Structures are given as structure tokens and as C-alpha cells.
Amino acid sequence: MTDKEISALIETLKANNEELLKQVALLTEQVAYLTNKLYGKSSKRSLSTQIS
């Protein structure tokens, strides 16, 4: 591979890496939101109401 090809490959990989990091951040945010929705305060209140 030439230096030009290696540089192009590096730039492509950097762009792919950036996109994957954005996806990871979005998915992490979604997991946190859904976990909170599933196990958050409202679920605890519903559970304690059912037990009482």
C-alpha cells in the first residue's frame, strides 16, 4: 500500500469509528432511559401499592 492509500484508509477508519461512537452513546442513553422507565420511581410505587 502506498502512503496515500494508507492515509485514505486511516481517514475512513476514523470516520467509521466516530459513527460507531455516536451509536454507542445513543444506545447507552436509550438503555439508561428504558432502565429508568422500567425500574424507576413509578414502578416502585406500583409495586408497593400492589403489596399493600
PDB file of N, CA and C in Angstrom:
ATOM      1  N   MET A   1       0.836  -1.188   0.000  1.00  0.00           N
ATOM      2  CA  MET A   1       0.000   0.000   0.000  1.00  0.00           C
ATOM      3  C   MET A   1       0.883   1.255   0.000  1.00  0.00           C
ATOM      4  N   THR A   2       0.399   2.218  -0.725  1.00  0.00           N
ATOM      5  CA  THR A   2       1.137   3.480  -0.759  1.00  0.00           C
ATOM      6  C   THR A   2       0.743   4.349   0.445  1.00  0.00           C
ATOM      7  N   ASP A   3       1.540   5.378   0.672  1.00  0.00           N
ATOM      8  CA  ASP A   3       1.224   6.295   1.773  1.00  0.00           C
ATOM      9  C   ASP A   3      -0.138   6.932   1.583  1.00  0.00           C
ATOM     10  N   LYS A   4      -0.480   7.234   0.334  1.00  0.00           N
ATOM     11  CA  LYS A   4      -1.782   7.855   0.032  1.00  0.00           C
ATOM     12  C   LYS A   4      -2.922   6.894   0.378  1.00  0.00           C
ATOM     13  N   GLU A   5      -2.754   5.631   0.017  1.00  0.00           N
ATOM     14  CA  GLU A   5      -3.781   4.627   0.325  1.00  0.00           C
ATOM     15  C   GLU A   5      -3.917   4.418   1.831  1.00  0.00           C
ATOM     16  N   ILE A   6      -2.814   4.402   2.515  1.00  0.00           N
ATOM     17  CA  ILE A   6      -2.841   4.231   3.977  1.00  0.00           C
ATOM     18  C   ILE A   6      -3.525   5.416   4.633  1.00  0.00           C
ATOM     19  N   SER A   7      -3.223   6.617   4.159  1.00  0.00           N
ATOM     20  CA  SER A   7      -3.864   7.814   4.707  1.00  0.00           C
ATOM     21  C   SER A   7      -5.375   7.788   4.467  1.00  0.00           C
ATOM     22  N   ALA A   8      -5.778   7.356   3.277  1.00  0.00           N
ATOM     23  CA  ALA A   8      -7.204   7.262   2.954  1.00  0.00           C
ATOM     24  C   ALA A   8      -7.882   6.228   3.846  1.00  0.00           C
ATOM     25  N   LEU A   9      -7.209   5.103   4.059  1.00  0.00           N
ATOM     26  CA  LEU A   9      -7.747   4.062   4.927  1.00  0.00           C
ATOM     27  C   LEU A   9      -7.893   4.560   6.360  1.00  0.00           C
ATOM     28  N   ILE A  10      -6.898   5.276   6.838  1.00  0.00           N
ATOM     29  CA  ILE A  10      -6.943   5.824   8.196  1.00  0.00           C
ATOM     30  C   ILE A  10      -8.125   6.783   8.332  1.00  0.00           C
ATOM     31  N   GLU A  11      -8.328   7.645   7.350  1.00  0.00           N
ATOM     32  CA  GLU A  11      -9.447   8.598   7.397  1.00  0.00           C
ATOM     33  C   GLU A  11     -10.789   7.867   7.381  1.00  0.00           C
ATOM     34  N   THR A  12     -10.889   6.827   6.572  1.00  0.00           N
ATOM     35  CA  THR A  12     -12.117   6.029   6.522  1.00  0.00           C
ATOM     36  C   THR A  12     -12.384   5.374   7.872  1.00  0.00           C
ATOM     37  N   LEU A  13     -11.348   4.811   8.461  1.00  0.00           N
ATOM     38  CA  LEU A  13     -11.498   4.158   9.759  1.00  0.00           C
ATOM     39  C   LEU A  13     -11.849   5.162  10.856  1.00  0.00           C
ATOM     40  N   LYS A  14     -11.270   6.347  10.791  1.00  0.00           N
ATOM     41  CA  LYS A  14     -11.605   7.392  11.762  1.00  0.00           C
ATOM     42  C   LYS A  14     -13.080   7.771  11.654  1.00  0.00           C
ATOM     43  N   ALA A  15     -13.565   7.910  10.424  1.00  0.00           N
ATOM     44  CA  ALA A  15     -14.973   8.257  10.208  1.00  0.00           C
ATOM     45  C   ALA A  15     -15.883   7.143  10.714  1.00  0.00           C
ATOM     46  N   ASN A  16     -15.519   5.902  10.434  1.00  0.00           N
ATOM     47  CA  ASN A  16     -16.302   4.760  10.920  1.00  0.00           C
ATOM     48  C   ASN A  16     -16.304   4.723  12.441  1.00  0.00           C
ATOM     49  N   ASN A  17     -15.149   4.973  13.034  1.00  0.00           N
ATOM     50  CA  ASN A  17     -15.024   4.967  14.481  1.00  0.00           C
ATOM     51  C   ASN A  17     -15.902   6.052  15.105  1.00  0.00           C
ATOM     52  N   GLU A  18     -15.896   7.229  14.519  1.00  0.00           N
ATOM     53  CA  GLU A  18     -16.715   8.341  15.015  1.00  0.00           C
ATOM     54  C   GLU A  18     -18.199   7.989  14.961  1.00  0.00           C
ATOM     55  N   GLU A  19     -18.618   7.387  13.862  1.00  0.00           N
ATOM     56  CA  GLU A  19     -20.026   6.984  13.714  1.00  0.00           C
ATOM     57  C   GLU A  19     -20.395   5.921  14.759  1.00  0.00           C
ATOM     58  N   LEU A  20     -19.518   4.978  14.967  1.00  0.00           N
ATOM     59  CA  LEU A  20     -19.785   3.929  15.956  1.00  0.00           C
ATOM     60  C   LEU A  20     -19.832   4.505  17.371  1.00  0.00           C
ATOM     61  N   LEU A  21     -18.986   5.475  17.670  1.00  0.00           N
ATOM     62  CA  LEU A  21     -19.018   6.110  18.984  1.00  0.00           C
ATOM     63  C   LEU A  21     -20.339   6.848  19.205  1.00  0.00           C
ATOM     64  N   LYS A  22     -20.846   7.487  18.150  1.00  0.00           N
ATOM     65  CA  LYS A  22     -22.148   8.155  18.248  1.00  0.00           C
ATOM     66  C   LYS A  22     -23.255   7.145  18.509  1.00  0.00           C
ATOM     67  N   GLN A  23     -23.194   6.005  17.818  1.00  0.00           N
ATOM     68  CA  GLN A  23     -24.203   4.962  18.007  1.00  0.00           C
ATOM     69  C   GLN A  23     -24.143   4.399  19.424  1.00  0.00           C
ATOM     70  N   VAL A  24     -22.948   4.189  19.947  1.00  0.00           N
ATOM     71  CA  VAL A  24     -22.781   3.689  21.310  1.00  0.00           C
ATOM     72  C   VAL A  24     -23.372   4.678  22.307  1.00  0.00           C
ATOM     73  N   ALA A  25     -23.101   5.964  22.105  1.00  0.00           N
ATOM     74  CA  ALA A  25     -23.636   6.987  23.006  1.00  0.00           C
ATOM     75  C   ALA A  25     -25.155   7.000  22.963  1.00  0.00           C
ATOM     76  N   LEU A  26     -25.729   6.915  21.782  1.00  0.00           N
ATOM     77  CA  LEU A  26     -27.185   6.903  21.641  1.00  0.00           C
ATOM     78  C   LEU A  26     -27.791   5.669  22.301  1.00  0.00           C
ATOM     79  N   LEU A  27     -27.207   4.523  22.056  1.00  0.00           N
ATOM     80  CA  LEU A  27     -27.722   3.286  22.644  1.00  0.00           C
ATOM     81  C   LEU A  27     -27.572   3.278  24.160  1.00  0.00           C
ATOM     82  N   THR A  28     -26.478   3.826  24.663  1.00  0.00           N
ATOM     83  CA  THR A  28     -26.289   3.927  26.110  1.00  0.00           C
ATOM     84  C   THR A  28     -27.365   4.810  26.721  1.00  0.00           C
ATOM     85  N   GLU A  29     -27.669   5.907  26.050  1.00  0.00           N
ATOM     86  CA  GLU A  29     -28.719   6.805  26.515  1.00  0.00           C
ATOM     87  C   GLU A  29     -30.083   6.107  26.499  1.00  0.00           C
ATOM     88  N   GLN A  30     -30.345   5.338  25.461  1.00  0.00           N
ATOM     89  CA  GLN A  30     -31.613   4.611  25.363  1.00  0.00           C
ATOM     90  C   GLN A  30     -31.722   3.555  26.458  1.00  0.00           C
ATOM     91  N   VAL A  31     -30.645   2.846  26.728  1.00  0.00           N
ATOM     92  CA  VAL A  31     -30.658   1.835  27.784  1.00  0.00           C
ATOM     93  C   VAL A  31     -30.926   2.487  29.142  1.00  0.00           C
ATOM     94  N   ALA A  32     -30.271   3.620  29.398  1.00  0.00           N
ATOM     95  CA  ALA A  32     -30.484   4.325  30.662  1.00  0.00           C
ATOM     96  C   ALA A  32     -31.938   4.773  30.788  1.00  0.00           C
ATOM     97  N   TYR A  33     -32.488   5.334  29.723  1.00  0.00           N
ATOM     98  CA  TYR A  33     -33.873   5.790  29.738  1.00  0.00           C
ATOM     99  C   TYR A  33     -34.834   4.633  29.990  1.00  0.00           C
ATOM    100  N   LEU A  34     -34.655   3.549  29.242  1.00  0.00           N
ATOM    101  CA  LEU A  34     -35.565   2.412  29.378  1.00  0.00           C
ATOM    102  C   LEU A  34     -35.404   1.710  30.723  1.00  0.00           C
ATOM    103  N   THR A  35     -34.187   1.648  31.226  1.00  0.00           N
ATOM    104  CA  THR A  35     -33.961   1.057  32.546  1.00  0.00           C
ATOM    105  C   THR A  35     -34.664   1.887  33.610  1.00  0.00           C
ATOM    106  N   ASN A  36     -34.540   3.203  33.508  1.00  0.00           N
ATOM    107  CA  ASN A  36     -35.209   4.087  34.452  1.00  0.00           C
ATOM    108  C   ASN A  36     -36.728   3.954  34.341  1.00  0.00           C
ATOM    109  N   LYS A  37     -37.216   3.843  33.123  1.00  0.00           N
ATOM    110  CA  LYS A  37     -38.655   3.688  32.895  1.00  0.00           C
ATOM    111  C   LYS A  37     -39.142   2.361  33.485  1.00  0.00           C
ATOM    112  N   LEU A  38     -38.353   1.330  33.356  1.00  0.00           N
ATOM    113  CA  LEU A  38     -38.740   0.009  33.841  1.00  0.00           C
ATOM    114  C   LEU A  38     -38.629  -0.097  35.357  1.00  0.00           C
ATOM    115  N   TYR A  39     -37.546   0.418  35.928  1.00  0.00           N
ATOM    116  CA  TYR A  39     -37.286   0.255  37.351  1.00  0.00           C
ATOM    117  C   TYR A  39     -37.374   1.562  38.136  1.00  0.00           C
ATOM    118  N   GLY A  40     -37.832   2.638  37.491  1.00  0.00           N
ATOM    119  CA  GLY A  40     -37.876   3.946  38.137  1.00  0.00           C
ATOM    120  C   GLY A  40     -38.895   4.046  39.253  1.00  0.00           C
ATOM    121  N   LYS A  41     -39.112   5.277  39.748  1.00  0.00           N
ATOM    122  CA  LYS A  41     -39.980   5.529  40.888  1.00  0.00           C
ATOM    123  C   LYS A  41     -41.400   5.030  40.663  1.00  0.00           C
ATOM    124  N   SER A  42     -41.948   5.214  39.466  1.00  0.00           N
ATOM    125  CA  SER A  42     -43.335   4.832  39.222  1.00  0.00           C
ATOM    126  C   SER A  42     -43.524   3.323  39.380  1.00  0.00           C
ATOM    127  N   SER A  43     -42.555   2.539  38.946  1.00  0.00           N
ATOM    128  CA  SER A  43     -42.647   1.085  39.094  1.00  0.00           C
ATOM    129  C   SER A  43     -42.614   0.697  40.571  1.00  0.00           C
ATOM    130  N   LYS A  44     -41.770   1.383  41.347  1.00  0.00           N
ATOM    131  CA  LYS A  44     -41.679   1.074  42.774  1.00  0.00           C
ATOM    132  C   LYS A  44     -42.995   1.409  43.467  1.00  0.00           C
ATOM    133  N   ARG A  45     -43.611   2.549  43.107  1.00  0.00           N
ATOM    134  CA  ARG A  45     -44.893   2.914  43.703  1.00  0.00           C
ATOM    135  C   ARG A  45     -45.952   1.889  43.344  1.00  0.00           C
ATOM    136  N   SER A  46     -45.986   1.457  42.088  1.00  0.00           N
ATOM    137  CA  SER A  46     -46.963   0.477  41.681  1.00  0.00           C
ATOM    138  C   SER A  46     -46.772  -0.828  42.432  1.00  0.00           C
ATOM    139  N   LEU A  47     -45.533  -1.235  42.619  1.00  0.00           N
ATOM    140  CA  LEU A  47     -45.231  -2.470  43.316  1.00  0.00           C
ATOM    141  C   LEU A  47     -45.658  -2.362  44.785  1.00  0.00           C
ATOM    142  N   SER A  48     -45.338  -1.242  45.445  1.00  0.00           N
ATOM    143  CA  SER A  48     -45.709  -1.102  46.848  1.00  0.00           C
ATOM    144  C   SER A  48     -47.232  -1.007  46.997  1.00  0.00           C
ATOM    145  N   THR A  49     -47.904  -0.438  46.030  1.00  0.00           N
ATOM    146  CA  THR A  49     -49.363  -0.372  46.072  1.00  0.00           C
ATOM    147  C   THR A  49     -49.952  -1.779  45.930  1.00  0.00           C
ATOM    148  N   GLN A  50     -49.361  -2.586  45.085  1.00  0.00           N
ATOM    149  CA  GLN A  50     -49.846  -3.943  44.905  1.00  0.00           C
ATOM    150  C   GLN A  50     -49.615  -4.792  46.149  1.00  0.00           C
ATOM    151  N   ILE A  51     -48.529  -4.569  46.838  1.00  0.00           N
ATOM    152  CA  ILE A  51     -48.210  -5.352  48.031  1.00  0.00           C
ATOM    153  C   ILE A  51     -49.139  -4.984  49.174  1.00  0.00           C
ATOM    154  N   SER A  52     -49.498  -3.707  49.303  1.00  0.00           N
ATOM    155  CA  SER A  52     -50.319  -3.223  50.427  1.00  0.00           C
ATOM    156  C   SER A  52     -51.708  -3.786  50.429  1.00  0.00           C
TER     157      SER A  52
END
